[in-house]
Amino acid sequence: MRGEEYLTKSEQYALVYDKGSSWASDLMVMKALPNQLTLSRYGFSVSRRLGGAVVRNRVKRRLREILRSLPLEPGWDIIFIARPKAAAAGFASLEKTVRGLLARAKILAREYEEACLRVN
């Protein structure tokens, strides 16, 4: 079923905002909360301060593609809040930021983290 990996309701967002833990970087803030499910869900908050609809949608498309390629630990609700600098950031810097935030929160799959450490 398409869409089960996304946060879709405002109540889901509100719960993560209120009770979730937070990690920040210069491009974005990540909030995460355990969800007791067998999968991790994510959502995005991209305000008008980033720019027009084209810019905001580009940031969301890039974040979706980055998260599609990263293996996440199951059982988390995650919200990525884009900061204004994210509008000018390239794909590689967004990917590095997302990977770093997920690693700091220990939400990346353990096998993936170990493989990255072996390569570097």
N, C-alpha and C. Protein backbone atom coordinates (compact mmCIF):
# COMPACT_ATOMS: atom_id res chain seq x y z
N MET A 1 0.83 -1.18 0.00
CA MET A 1 0.00 0.00 0.00
C MET A 1 0.88 1.25 0.00
N ARG A 2 0.67 2.11 -0.96
CA ARG A 2 1.45 3.33 -1.06
C ARG A 2 1.05 4.30 0.04
N GLY A 3 2.04 4.94 0.61
CA GLY A 3 1.77 5.96 1.60
C GLY A 3 1.83 5.50 3.04
N GLU A 4 1.98 4.22 3.29
CA GLU A 4 2.02 3.79 4.69
C GLU A 4 3.30 4.20 5.39
N GLU A 5 4.34 4.60 4.61
CA GLU A 5 5.58 5.05 5.25
C GLU A 5 5.58 6.55 5.52
N TYR A 6 4.45 7.24 5.28
CA TYR A 6 4.36 8.68 5.51
C TYR A 6 3.45 8.99 6.69
N LEU A 7 3.78 10.08 7.37
CA LEU A 7 2.86 10.64 8.35
C LEU A 7 1.84 11.45 7.56
N THR A 8 0.55 11.18 7.78
CA THR A 8 -0.46 11.82 6.94
C THR A 8 -1.44 12.70 7.70
N LYS A 9 -1.59 12.51 8.97
CA LYS A 9 -2.60 13.23 9.73
C LYS A 9 -1.96 14.27 10.65
N SER A 10 -2.66 15.36 10.86
CA SER A 10 -2.11 16.43 11.71
C SER A 10 -1.93 15.94 13.15
N GLU A 11 -2.74 14.97 13.58
CA GLU A 11 -2.57 14.41 14.93
C GLU A 11 -1.23 13.69 15.06
N GLN A 12 -0.81 12.99 13.99
CA GLN A 12 0.47 12.29 14.00
C GLN A 12 1.62 13.30 14.11
N TYR A 13 1.53 14.37 13.34
CA TYR A 13 2.55 15.42 13.41
C TYR A 13 2.58 16.04 14.80
N ALA A 14 1.41 16.37 15.35
CA ALA A 14 1.33 17.02 16.65
C ALA A 14 1.95 16.15 17.75
N LEU A 15 1.72 14.85 17.69
CA LEU A 15 2.28 13.95 18.68
C LEU A 15 3.81 13.95 18.64
N VAL A 16 4.37 13.91 17.43
CA VAL A 16 5.83 13.91 17.29
C VAL A 16 6.40 15.26 17.74
N TYR A 17 5.73 16.36 17.36
CA TYR A 17 6.19 17.68 17.78
C TYR A 17 6.18 17.81 19.30
N ASP A 18 5.12 17.31 19.95
CA ASP A 18 4.98 17.48 21.38
C ASP A 18 5.88 16.56 22.19
N LYS A 19 5.97 15.29 21.81
CA LYS A 19 6.64 14.30 22.64
C LYS A 19 7.95 13.77 22.07
N GLY A 20 8.29 14.14 20.83
CA GLY A 20 9.47 13.59 20.20
C GLY A 20 10.76 14.24 20.64
N SER A 21 11.85 13.53 20.43
CA SER A 21 13.19 14.07 20.67
C SER A 21 13.63 14.82 19.43
N SER A 22 14.60 15.73 19.60
CA SER A 22 14.99 16.62 18.51
C SER A 22 16.49 16.59 18.29
N TRP A 23 16.90 16.64 17.01
CA TRP A 23 18.29 16.77 16.60
C TRP A 23 18.33 17.84 15.53
N ALA A 24 19.36 18.68 15.54
CA ALA A 24 19.40 19.81 14.61
C ALA A 24 20.73 19.90 13.89
N SER A 25 20.68 20.49 12.71
CA SER A 25 21.87 20.85 11.94
C SER A 25 21.58 22.21 11.31
N ASP A 26 22.52 22.70 10.50
CA ASP A 26 22.30 24.00 9.89
C ASP A 26 21.26 23.97 8.78
N LEU A 27 20.99 22.80 8.18
CA LEU A 27 20.01 22.71 7.10
C LEU A 27 18.63 22.27 7.55
N MET A 28 18.54 21.50 8.62
CA MET A 28 17.23 21.02 9.06
C MET A 28 17.24 20.55 10.50
N VAL A 29 16.03 20.38 11.01
CA VAL A 29 15.81 19.84 12.34
C VAL A 29 15.05 18.53 12.15
N MET A 30 15.40 17.53 12.94
CA MET A 30 14.70 16.25 12.87
C MET A 30 14.08 15.98 14.23
N LYS A 31 12.82 15.61 14.24
CA LYS A 31 12.13 15.19 15.47
C LYS A 31 11.72 13.74 15.27
N ALA A 32 11.89 12.91 16.29
CA ALA A 32 11.57 11.49 16.18
C ALA A 32 10.92 10.99 17.46
N LEU A 33 10.01 10.04 17.28
CA LEU A 33 9.28 9.45 18.40
C LEU A 33 9.02 7.98 18.08
N PRO A 34 9.30 7.05 19.00
CA PRO A 34 8.95 5.65 18.76
C PRO A 34 7.45 5.49 18.54
N ASN A 35 7.06 4.59 17.59
CA ASN A 35 5.64 4.47 17.25
C ASN A 35 5.03 3.09 17.46
N GLN A 36 5.78 2.12 17.97
CA GLN A 36 5.26 0.78 18.26
C GLN A 36 4.75 0.04 17.02
N LEU A 37 5.17 0.44 15.82
CA LEU A 37 4.77 -0.23 14.59
C LEU A 37 5.95 -1.01 14.04
N THR A 38 5.70 -1.79 13.00
CA THR A 38 6.78 -2.57 12.38
C THR A 38 7.47 -1.81 11.26
N LEU A 39 7.12 -0.55 11.08
CA LEU A 39 7.76 0.26 10.06
C LEU A 39 7.99 1.66 10.61
N SER A 40 8.88 2.39 9.96
CA SER A 40 9.11 3.78 10.31
C SER A 40 8.38 4.66 9.32
N ARG A 41 7.78 5.73 9.84
CA ARG A 41 7.06 6.67 8.99
C ARG A 41 7.75 8.02 9.09
N TYR A 42 7.67 8.81 8.03
CA TYR A 42 8.29 10.12 8.06
C TYR A 42 7.41 11.15 7.37
N GLY A 43 7.66 12.41 7.73
CA GLY A 43 6.94 13.53 7.15
C GLY A 43 7.87 14.73 7.07
N PHE A 44 7.41 15.75 6.36
CA PHE A 44 8.24 16.94 6.13
C PHE A 44 7.47 18.18 6.49
N SER A 45 8.18 19.15 7.02
CA SER A 45 7.62 20.47 7.28
C SER A 45 8.52 21.47 6.56
N VAL A 46 8.00 22.04 5.49
CA VAL A 46 8.76 22.97 4.66
C VAL A 46 7.94 24.25 4.55
N SER A 47 8.35 25.29 5.26
CA SER A 47 7.55 26.51 5.33
C SER A 47 7.79 27.41 4.13
N ARG A 48 6.97 28.43 4.03
CA ARG A 48 7.08 29.39 2.93
C ARG A 48 8.33 30.25 3.03
N ARG A 49 8.98 30.23 4.18
CA ARG A 49 10.22 31.01 4.32
C ARG A 49 11.31 30.48 3.40
N LEU A 50 11.19 29.22 2.94
CA LEU A 50 12.19 28.66 2.04
C LEU A 50 12.09 29.25 0.64
N GLY A 51 10.89 29.63 0.25
CA GLY A 51 10.70 30.17 -1.10
C GLY A 51 9.33 29.79 -1.62
N GLY A 52 9.20 29.90 -2.93
CA GLY A 52 7.93 29.58 -3.58
C GLY A 52 7.67 28.09 -3.63
N ALA A 53 6.55 27.73 -4.23
CA ALA A 53 6.13 26.33 -4.29
C ALA A 53 7.16 25.45 -5.00
N VAL A 54 7.78 25.99 -6.04
CA VAL A 54 8.76 25.19 -6.78
C VAL A 54 9.94 24.82 -5.88
N VAL A 55 10.43 25.77 -5.12
CA VAL A 55 11.57 25.52 -4.23
C VAL A 55 11.18 24.56 -3.12
N ARG A 56 10.02 24.78 -2.50
CA ARG A 56 9.58 23.91 -1.41
C ARG A 56 9.38 22.48 -1.90
N ASN A 57 8.76 22.32 -3.04
CA ASN A 57 8.53 20.97 -3.58
C ASN A 57 9.84 20.30 -3.97
N ARG A 58 10.82 21.06 -4.45
CA ARG A 58 12.12 20.47 -4.79
C ARG A 58 12.79 19.92 -3.53
N VAL A 59 12.74 20.68 -2.44
CA VAL A 59 13.33 20.22 -1.19
C VAL A 59 12.63 18.94 -0.73
N LYS A 60 11.30 18.89 -0.80
CA LYS A 60 10.57 17.69 -0.37
C LYS A 60 10.88 16.49 -1.27
N ARG A 61 10.97 16.72 -2.58
CA ARG A 61 11.31 15.61 -3.49
C ARG A 61 12.68 15.05 -3.18
N ARG A 62 13.64 15.93 -2.92
CA ARG A 62 15.00 15.47 -2.60
C ARG A 62 15.00 14.69 -1.29
N LEU A 63 14.30 15.18 -0.29
CA LEU A 63 14.26 14.47 0.99
C LEU A 63 13.59 13.11 0.84
N ARG A 64 12.51 13.03 0.07
CA ARG A 64 11.85 11.73 -0.15
C ARG A 64 12.81 10.75 -0.82
N GLU A 65 13.55 11.21 -1.82
CA GLU A 65 14.48 10.33 -2.52
C GLU A 65 15.60 9.87 -1.60
N ILE A 66 16.10 10.76 -0.77
CA ILE A 66 17.16 10.40 0.18
C ILE A 66 16.65 9.34 1.15
N LEU A 67 15.47 9.55 1.70
CA LEU A 67 14.93 8.59 2.67
C LEU A 67 14.55 7.26 2.02
N ARG A 68 14.19 7.29 0.76
CA ARG A 68 13.87 6.05 0.05
C ARG A 68 15.10 5.16 -0.06
N SER A 69 16.27 5.77 -0.15
CA SER A 69 17.49 4.99 -0.34
C SER A 69 18.17 4.58 0.97
N LEU A 70 17.72 5.13 2.10
CA LEU A 70 18.35 4.80 3.38
C LEU A 70 17.52 3.77 4.15
N PRO A 71 18.16 2.72 4.66
CA PRO A 71 17.43 1.74 5.47
C PRO A 71 17.27 2.27 6.90
N LEU A 72 16.03 2.37 7.35
CA LEU A 72 15.74 2.88 8.69
C LEU A 72 15.38 1.74 9.63
N GLU A 73 15.69 1.93 10.90
CA GLU A 73 15.23 1.00 11.92
C GLU A 73 13.71 1.10 11.98
N PRO A 74 13.00 -0.02 12.14
CA PRO A 74 11.54 0.05 12.23
C PRO A 74 11.08 0.64 13.56
N GLY A 75 9.89 1.21 13.54
CA GLY A 75 9.27 1.66 14.78
C GLY A 75 9.47 3.12 15.14
N TRP A 76 9.64 4.00 14.16
CA TRP A 76 9.85 5.42 14.44
C TRP A 76 8.93 6.27 13.59
N ASP A 77 8.44 7.38 14.18
CA ASP A 77 7.80 8.46 13.44
C ASP A 77 8.81 9.60 13.41
N ILE A 78 9.13 10.10 12.21
CA ILE A 78 10.19 11.08 12.04
C ILE A 78 9.65 12.27 11.25
N ILE A 79 9.95 13.47 11.70
CA ILE A 79 9.61 14.68 10.96
C ILE A 79 10.89 15.44 10.67
N PHE A 80 11.07 15.84 9.41
CA PHE A 80 12.19 16.67 9.00
C PHE A 80 11.66 18.07 8.76
N ILE A 81 12.22 19.05 9.48
CA ILE A 81 11.81 20.44 9.38
C ILE A 81 12.93 21.18 8.66
N ALA A 82 12.65 21.62 7.44
CA ALA A 82 13.67 22.28 6.63
C ALA A 82 13.89 23.71 7.10
N ARG A 83 15.15 24.09 7.21
CA ARG A 83 15.52 25.47 7.53
C ARG A 83 15.76 26.21 6.22
N PRO A 84 15.76 27.54 6.24
CA PRO A 84 15.90 28.31 4.99
C PRO A 84 17.14 27.98 4.17
N LYS A 85 18.25 27.59 4.81
CA LYS A 85 19.46 27.23 4.06
C LYS A 85 19.25 25.99 3.19
N ALA A 86 18.27 25.16 3.51
CA ALA A 86 18.03 23.93 2.74
C ALA A 86 17.59 24.24 1.31
N ALA A 87 17.00 25.41 1.09
CA ALA A 87 16.53 25.78 -0.25
C ALA A 87 17.70 25.88 -1.23
N ALA A 88 18.84 26.35 -0.77
CA ALA A 88 20.00 26.51 -1.65
C ALA A 88 20.94 25.32 -1.62
N ALA A 89 20.69 24.36 -0.76
CA ALA A 89 21.58 23.21 -0.61
C ALA A 89 21.41 22.23 -1.76
N GLY A 90 22.49 21.60 -2.15
CA GLY A 90 22.44 20.57 -3.18
C GLY A 90 22.01 19.23 -2.60
N PHE A 91 21.79 18.28 -3.49
CA PHE A 91 21.35 16.94 -3.08
C PHE A 91 22.36 16.29 -2.14
N ALA A 92 23.64 16.40 -2.48
CA ALA A 92 24.68 15.73 -1.68
C ALA A 92 24.73 16.28 -0.26
N SER A 93 24.63 17.58 -0.11
CA SER A 93 24.69 18.14 1.24
C SER A 93 23.43 17.82 2.04
N LEU A 94 22.27 17.77 1.38
CA LEU A 94 21.05 17.35 2.07
C LEU A 94 21.17 15.89 2.51
N GLU A 95 21.71 15.06 1.64
CA GLU A 95 21.87 13.64 1.97
C GLU A 95 22.81 13.45 3.15
N LYS A 96 23.92 14.18 3.15
CA LYS A 96 24.88 14.09 4.25
C LYS A 96 24.24 14.53 5.55
N THR A 97 23.44 15.59 5.50
CA THR A 97 22.78 16.10 6.70
C THR A 97 21.77 15.09 7.23
N VAL A 98 20.93 14.55 6.34
CA VAL A 98 19.91 13.58 6.76
C VAL A 98 20.58 12.34 7.35
N ARG A 99 21.60 11.84 6.68
CA ARG A 99 22.31 10.66 7.17
C ARG A 99 22.92 10.93 8.54
N GLY A 100 23.50 12.12 8.72
CA GLY A 100 24.10 12.48 10.00
C GLY A 100 23.07 12.57 11.12
N LEU A 101 21.92 13.19 10.84
CA LEU A 101 20.87 13.30 11.87
C LEU A 101 20.33 11.92 12.25
N LEU A 102 20.09 11.08 11.25
CA LEU A 102 19.58 9.73 11.53
C LEU A 102 20.61 8.91 12.31
N ALA A 103 21.88 9.07 11.99
CA ALA A 103 22.93 8.34 12.71
C ALA A 103 23.02 8.82 14.16
N ARG A 104 22.94 10.14 14.37
CA ARG A 104 22.98 10.66 15.74
C ARG A 104 21.81 10.16 16.57
N ALA A 105 20.66 9.99 15.93
CA ALA A 105 19.48 9.51 16.64
C ALA A 105 19.44 7.98 16.72
N LYS A 106 20.40 7.31 16.08
CA LYS A 106 20.47 5.85 16.04
C LYS A 106 19.22 5.24 15.40
N ILE A 107 18.79 5.85 14.29
CA ILE A 107 17.62 5.36 13.57
C ILE A 107 18.03 4.66 12.27
N LEU A 108 19.26 4.85 11.82
CA LEU A 108 19.74 4.12 10.63
C LEU A 108 19.90 2.65 10.99
N ALA A 109 19.62 1.78 10.03
CA ALA A 109 19.79 0.34 10.26
C ALA A 109 21.24 0.05 10.63
N ARG A 110 21.45 -0.80 11.60
CA ARG A 110 22.79 -1.08 12.12
C ARG A 110 23.75 -1.60 11.04
N GLU A 111 23.26 -2.47 10.16
CA GLU A 111 24.12 -3.03 9.11
C GLU A 111 24.62 -1.92 8.19
N TYR A 112 23.75 -0.94 7.90
CA TYR A 112 24.13 0.16 7.02
C TYR A 112 25.20 1.02 7.68
N GLU A 113 25.03 1.32 8.96
CA GLU A 113 26.02 2.13 9.68
C GLU A 113 27.37 1.44 9.70
N GLU A 114 27.37 0.13 9.95
CA GLU A 114 28.62 -0.61 10.01
C GLU A 114 29.30 -0.63 8.64
N ALA A 115 28.52 -0.77 7.57
CA ALA A 115 29.08 -0.76 6.23
C ALA A 115 29.70 0.60 5.90
N CYS A 116 29.04 1.67 6.32
CA CYS A 116 29.58 3.02 6.08
C CYS A 116 30.87 3.24 6.84
N LEU A 117 30.96 2.72 8.05
CA LEU A 117 32.17 2.88 8.83
C LEU A 117 33.33 2.11 8.21
N ARG A 118 33.05 0.95 7.62
CA ARG A 118 34.11 0.17 6.98
C ARG A 118 34.63 0.86 5.74
N VAL A 119 33.76 1.53 5.00
CA VAL A 119 34.17 2.22 3.77
C VAL A 119 35.01 3.44 4.10
N ASN A 120 34.63 4.18 5.13
CA ASN A 120 35.34 5.42 5.47
C ASN A 120 36.52 5.13 6.28
